[in-house]
Amino acid sequence: MKRICIIGMGWLGKELAVALKKKGLIVIGTTSTESKLSDLKRVVDKVELFDLNGKGQKVEGEFDFIVYTIPPSSSSAYAGLSSKLIQKMSKTNPKAAWVYTSSTSVYGNDEREVAENSEVEPQSDSAKKIVQVEQYLKSHTENWSVVRFGGLVGGARHPVKYLAGRTGISKPLAPLNLLHREDAVYAIVHLIEHFKAGIYNLCSDGHPRKKDYYNQVAKENNFTKIEFDEEDFSRDKVVTCSAIKKIGFEFKYTSPYEFQFEP
């Protein structure tokens, strides 16, 4: 039976653990929040208190897969600490396959179409840190995969809640690259079941304009209309996702308009 370690059982990691347990797999996970331990113990076979800055136990054990979901916001020294963790765990798990949850932000914000083989052009500090971790993982592990998520939506998380009623929002014509949490979770499950090393972009095939999509969702759910900067004609990238489809994964949500809105 496969043993999976999920480093970081937060908003995404917990749902991934639930899905993997339904598959009958052994799941060990970590959390940086002590108050969540009792709840997570009901979800996985074992859970440890851990964060990159040294809180809690070391992540130890023998695993077939290690899923690393901790984001750059967790530590100012994210890239260095992540690299040290990968190094330590790879020594005790030399044959384990890694799944690193990255971001399409590594491609930057220029107007272009990007695929898995496109050059990365990170512009934000967080994207630059993510690229450093990606590069370390590729060069220091034998079995690695990098899953680059688009903007994540799901559960009670939806950007329209934070945009409603605001004015002067930039890039009204920009195409959106959004991903529902369900597709994020089940793409990782599929990758674990049909593992192939490489880079995988993940987002819905539909890329509605920012202005059109968010104002329609706002209207349908009785939020105040969002006012965009109508003099901003800049665009953004469009992310394509062919690699995950080549190993047989099918998205549940082909467009952000299909996402279920939860209050």
Protein backbone atom coordinates (compact mmCIF):
# COMPACT_ATOMS: atom_id res chain seq x y z
CA MET A 1 0.00 0.00 0.00
CA LYS A 2 1.39 3.41 -0.98
CA ARG A 3 2.47 5.74 1.81
CA ILE A 4 1.94 9.44 1.12
CA CYS A 5 3.38 12.34 3.09
CA ILE A 6 1.64 15.71 2.68
CA ILE A 7 3.81 18.51 4.01
CA GLY A 8 1.30 21.25 4.73
CA MET A 9 -2.32 20.19 5.24
CA GLY A 10 -3.98 23.54 4.84
CA TRP A 11 -6.84 24.64 2.61
CA LEU A 12 -5.64 22.40 -0.22
CA GLY A 13 -3.62 19.75 1.62
CA LYS A 14 -6.45 18.66 3.89
CA GLU A 15 -8.80 18.07 0.95
CA LEU A 16 -6.04 16.15 -0.82
CA ALA A 17 -5.60 13.96 2.27
CA VAL A 18 -9.32 13.17 2.33
CA ALA A 19 -9.25 12.19 -1.36
CA LEU A 20 -6.18 9.97 -0.91
CA LYS A 21 -7.68 8.22 2.11
CA LYS A 22 -10.76 7.42 0.03
CA LYS A 23 -8.39 5.63 -2.32
CA GLY A 24 -7.27 3.45 0.58
CA LEU A 25 -3.77 4.92 0.83
CA ILE A 26 -1.75 5.55 3.99
CA VAL A 27 -1.49 9.30 4.53
CA ILE A 28 0.83 11.12 6.93
CA GLY A 29 0.63 14.88 7.09
CA THR A 30 1.85 18.02 8.79
CA THR A 31 0.30 21.25 10.00
CA SER A 32 1.86 24.41 11.40
CA THR A 33 -1.23 25.16 13.50
CA GLU A 34 -1.51 23.31 16.81
CA SER A 35 -5.25 23.96 17.11
CA LYS A 36 -5.84 21.95 13.91
CA LEU A 37 -4.13 18.79 15.13
CA SER A 38 -7.19 17.11 16.65
CA ASP A 39 -9.32 17.72 13.54
CA LEU A 40 -6.61 16.48 11.15
CA LYS A 41 -6.00 13.35 13.22
CA ARG A 42 -9.47 12.25 12.16
CA VAL A 43 -8.54 12.68 8.50
CA VAL A 44 -5.12 11.02 8.18
CA ASP A 45 -3.23 8.10 9.68
CA LYS A 46 -0.75 10.37 11.42
CA VAL A 47 -0.22 14.11 11.71
CA GLU A 48 2.76 16.07 13.02
CA LEU A 49 3.16 19.70 14.05
CA PHE A 50 5.74 21.22 11.71
CA ASP A 51 6.71 24.42 9.97
CA LEU A 52 9.77 25.54 8.03
CA ASN A 53 10.93 27.85 10.79
CA GLY A 54 11.51 25.01 13.22
CA LYS A 55 8.23 24.53 15.08
CA GLY A 56 7.32 20.98 16.09
CA GLN A 57 8.71 17.63 15.00
CA LYS A 58 10.96 16.63 12.14
CA VAL A 59 9.16 15.04 9.21
CA GLU A 60 10.36 11.45 9.39
CA GLY A 61 9.32 8.12 7.88
CA GLU A 62 9.52 6.10 4.71
CA PHE A 63 7.24 7.34 1.93
CA ASP A 64 6.43 6.48 -1.66
CA PHE A 65 5.27 10.02 -2.41
CA ILE A 66 6.00 13.37 -0.78
CA VAL A 67 3.59 16.21 -1.63
CA TYR A 68 5.00 19.61 -0.69
CA THR A 69 2.28 22.27 -0.45
CA ILE A 70 3.79 24.90 1.88
CA PRO A 71 3.59 28.36 0.18
CA PRO A 72 6.24 31.11 0.02
CA SER A 73 4.25 33.24 2.47
CA SER A 74 5.15 30.79 5.24
CA SER A 75 8.70 32.09 5.71
CA SER A 76 10.97 34.94 4.60
CA ALA A 77 13.63 32.26 4.05
CA TYR A 78 11.28 30.00 2.12
CA ALA A 79 13.59 28.96 -0.71
CA GLY A 80 16.54 28.08 1.50
CA LEU A 81 14.52 26.28 4.15
CA SER A 82 12.53 24.37 1.52
CA SER A 83 15.74 23.25 -0.15
CA LYS A 84 17.12 22.00 3.18
CA LEU A 85 13.91 20.07 3.83
CA ILE A 86 14.03 18.48 0.37
CA GLN A 87 17.66 17.54 0.92
CA LYS A 88 17.00 15.92 4.32
CA MET A 89 13.92 14.01 3.24
CA SER A 90 15.55 12.82 0.02
CA LYS A 91 18.37 11.21 2.01
CA THR A 92 15.91 9.06 3.96
CA ASN A 93 13.56 8.62 1.00
CA PRO A 94 15.84 8.38 -2.07
CA LYS A 95 13.22 6.58 -4.16
CA ALA A 96 10.22 8.70 -3.16
CA ALA A 97 8.46 10.66 -5.87
CA TRP A 98 7.97 14.37 -5.13
CA VAL A 99 4.98 16.52 -6.05
CA TYR A 100 5.61 20.24 -5.52
CA THR A 101 2.61 22.56 -5.71
CA SER A 102 3.96 25.53 -7.61
CA SER A 103 2.20 28.42 -9.34
CA THR A 104 1.67 29.77 -12.85
CA SER A 105 2.99 33.07 -11.46
CA VAL A 106 6.45 31.74 -12.38
CA TYR A 107 5.66 32.66 -16.01
CA GLY A 108 5.31 36.34 -15.12
CA ASN A 109 2.54 38.66 -16.28
CA ASP A 110 3.45 39.49 -19.88
CA GLU A 111 0.92 38.96 -22.65
CA ARG A 112 1.78 35.56 -24.15
CA GLU A 113 0.58 31.96 -24.27
CA VAL A 114 2.54 29.68 -21.97
CA ALA A 115 2.85 25.90 -21.93
CA GLU A 116 4.83 23.58 -19.69
CA ASN A 117 7.97 24.08 -21.78
CA SER A 118 7.78 27.89 -21.76
CA GLU A 119 10.57 29.88 -20.13
CA VAL A 120 9.83 31.09 -16.61
CA GLU A 121 9.93 34.85 -16.07
CA PRO A 122 9.10 35.37 -12.38
CA GLN A 123 8.40 38.98 -11.46
CA SER A 124 7.07 38.87 -7.89
CA ASP A 125 9.21 37.93 -4.89
CA SER A 126 7.05 34.88 -4.18
CA ALA A 127 7.34 33.65 -7.78
CA LYS A 128 11.13 34.03 -7.65
CA LYS A 129 11.24 31.93 -4.48
CA ILE A 130 9.05 29.26 -6.07
CA VAL A 131 11.38 29.04 -9.08
CA GLN A 132 14.34 28.53 -6.74
CA VAL A 133 12.57 25.60 -5.06
CA GLU A 134 11.55 24.13 -8.42
CA GLN A 135 15.16 24.25 -9.61
CA TYR A 136 16.48 22.69 -6.43
CA LEU A 137 13.93 19.88 -6.58
CA LYS A 138 14.78 19.10 -10.21
CA SER A 139 18.51 18.95 -9.56
CA HIS A 140 18.49 17.10 -6.22
CA THR A 141 15.77 14.43 -6.57
CA GLU A 142 15.40 11.55 -9.01
CA ASN A 143 11.59 11.48 -9.22
CA TRP A 144 10.12 14.96 -9.21
CA SER A 145 7.00 16.64 -10.53
CA VAL A 146 6.07 20.31 -10.39
CA VAL A 147 2.38 21.18 -10.50
CA ARG A 148 1.86 24.84 -11.43
CA PHE A 149 -1.56 25.99 -10.26
CA GLY A 150 -3.56 28.84 -11.69
CA GLY A 151 -5.54 31.02 -9.28
CA LEU A 152 -7.24 28.66 -6.86
CA VAL A 153 -10.97 28.89 -6.18
CA GLY A 154 -13.18 26.58 -4.13
CA GLY A 155 -15.09 26.15 -0.91
CA ALA A 156 -15.68 29.61 0.54
CA ARG A 157 -12.69 31.04 -1.33
CA HIS A 158 -13.57 33.18 -4.34
CA PRO A 159 -11.83 36.43 -5.41
CA VAL A 160 -15.13 38.19 -6.09
CA LYS A 161 -15.68 38.45 -2.32
CA TYR A 162 -12.61 40.67 -2.03
CA LEU A 163 -13.22 42.60 -5.24
CA ALA A 164 -16.91 43.45 -4.73
CA GLY A 165 -17.51 47.18 -4.45
CA ARG A 166 -13.92 48.12 -5.16
CA THR A 167 -12.91 50.67 -7.79
CA GLY A 168 -9.95 51.13 -10.11
CA ILE A 169 -9.21 47.42 -10.45
CA SER A 170 -6.44 46.86 -12.99
CA LYS A 171 -6.36 44.78 -16.17
CA PRO A 172 -10.10 44.48 -16.93
CA LEU A 173 -9.31 42.82 -20.29
CA ALA A 174 -6.82 40.30 -18.92
CA PRO A 175 -7.64 36.61 -19.45
CA LEU A 176 -8.12 34.65 -16.23
CA ASN A 177 -6.25 31.45 -15.43
CA LEU A 178 -8.33 29.94 -12.65
CA LEU A 179 -8.42 26.46 -11.14
CA HIS A 180 -11.03 24.86 -8.91
CA ARG A 181 -9.74 23.13 -5.79
CA GLU A 182 -11.48 19.89 -6.79
CA ASP A 183 -9.49 19.76 -10.03
CA ALA A 184 -6.30 20.63 -8.16
CA VAL A 185 -6.84 17.78 -5.69
CA TYR A 186 -7.83 15.14 -8.22
CA ALA A 187 -5.06 16.09 -10.63
CA ILE A 188 -2.55 15.33 -7.85
CA VAL A 189 -4.36 12.08 -7.03
CA HIS A 190 -4.21 11.15 -10.73
CA LEU A 191 -0.51 12.03 -10.87
CA ILE A 192 0.19 9.81 -7.88
CA GLU A 193 -1.69 6.95 -9.54
CA HIS A 194 -0.04 7.49 -12.94
CA PHE A 195 3.23 9.12 -11.98
CA LYS A 196 5.41 10.62 -14.64
CA ALA A 197 8.14 13.12 -13.80
CA GLY A 198 7.77 16.58 -15.28
CA ILE A 199 6.05 19.94 -15.15
CA TYR A 200 2.25 20.19 -15.15
CA ASN A 201 0.22 23.36 -15.63
CA LEU A 202 -3.23 23.28 -14.07
CA CYS A 203 -6.08 25.67 -14.84
CA SER A 204 -9.42 25.60 -16.60
CA ASP A 205 -9.41 25.71 -20.39
CA GLY A 206 -11.76 28.70 -20.38
CA HIS A 207 -10.06 32.10 -19.96
CA PRO A 208 -12.80 34.75 -19.62
CA ARG A 209 -11.87 38.40 -19.35
CA LYS A 210 -11.37 39.57 -15.79
CA LYS A 211 -14.02 42.29 -16.03
CA ASP A 212 -16.65 40.05 -17.61
CA TYR A 213 -16.24 37.11 -15.26
CA TYR A 214 -16.05 38.86 -11.91
CA ASN A 215 -18.94 41.21 -12.60
CA GLN A 216 -21.14 38.34 -13.76
CA VAL A 217 -20.36 36.35 -10.60
CA ALA A 218 -20.93 39.49 -8.51
CA LYS A 219 -24.32 40.08 -10.17
CA GLU A 220 -25.44 36.46 -9.82
CA ASN A 221 -24.61 36.45 -6.11
CA ASN A 222 -25.86 39.94 -5.20
CA PHE A 223 -22.47 41.54 -4.64
CA THR A 224 -21.79 45.18 -5.38
CA LYS A 225 -20.52 45.78 -8.91
CA ILE A 226 -16.77 46.00 -9.36
CA GLU A 227 -15.41 49.12 -11.05
CA PHE A 228 -12.38 48.49 -13.26
CA ASP A 229 -9.81 50.90 -14.63
CA GLU A 230 -11.27 51.33 -18.12
CA GLU A 231 -8.11 53.08 -19.32
CA ASP A 232 -6.00 50.02 -18.59
CA PHE A 233 -5.76 48.00 -21.80
CA SER A 234 -2.96 45.69 -20.65
CA ARG A 235 -3.44 41.97 -20.96
CA ASP A 236 -1.78 38.97 -19.30
CA LYS A 237 -0.66 35.43 -20.08
CA VAL A 238 -2.88 32.55 -21.12
CA VAL A 239 -1.88 29.24 -19.53
CA THR A 240 -2.34 26.00 -21.48
CA CYS A 241 -2.41 22.60 -19.80
CA SER A 242 -1.51 19.69 -22.05
CA ALA A 243 0.89 17.60 -19.93
CA ILE A 244 -1.67 16.48 -17.33
CA LYS A 245 -4.13 15.55 -20.12
CA LYS A 246 -1.48 13.41 -21.81
CA ILE A 247 -1.43 11.13 -18.76
CA GLY A 248 -5.21 10.78 -18.85
CA PHE A 249 -6.55 13.46 -16.48
CA GLU A 250 -9.83 15.16 -17.36
CA PHE A 251 -10.85 18.42 -15.72
CA LYS A 252 -14.25 18.54 -14.04
CA TYR A 253 -14.52 22.29 -14.64
CA THR A 254 -13.60 23.40 -18.15
CA SER A 255 -14.49 27.04 -17.46
CA PRO A 256 -14.59 29.31 -14.39
CA TYR A 257 -18.25 29.95 -15.24
CA GLU A 258 -18.91 26.36 -14.14
CA PHE A 259 -17.48 26.87 -10.64
CA GLN A 260 -20.07 26.52 -7.89
CA PHE A 261 -20.19 29.63 -5.73
CA GLU A 262 -20.30 29.04 -1.98
CA PRO A 263 -21.18 31.84 0.48
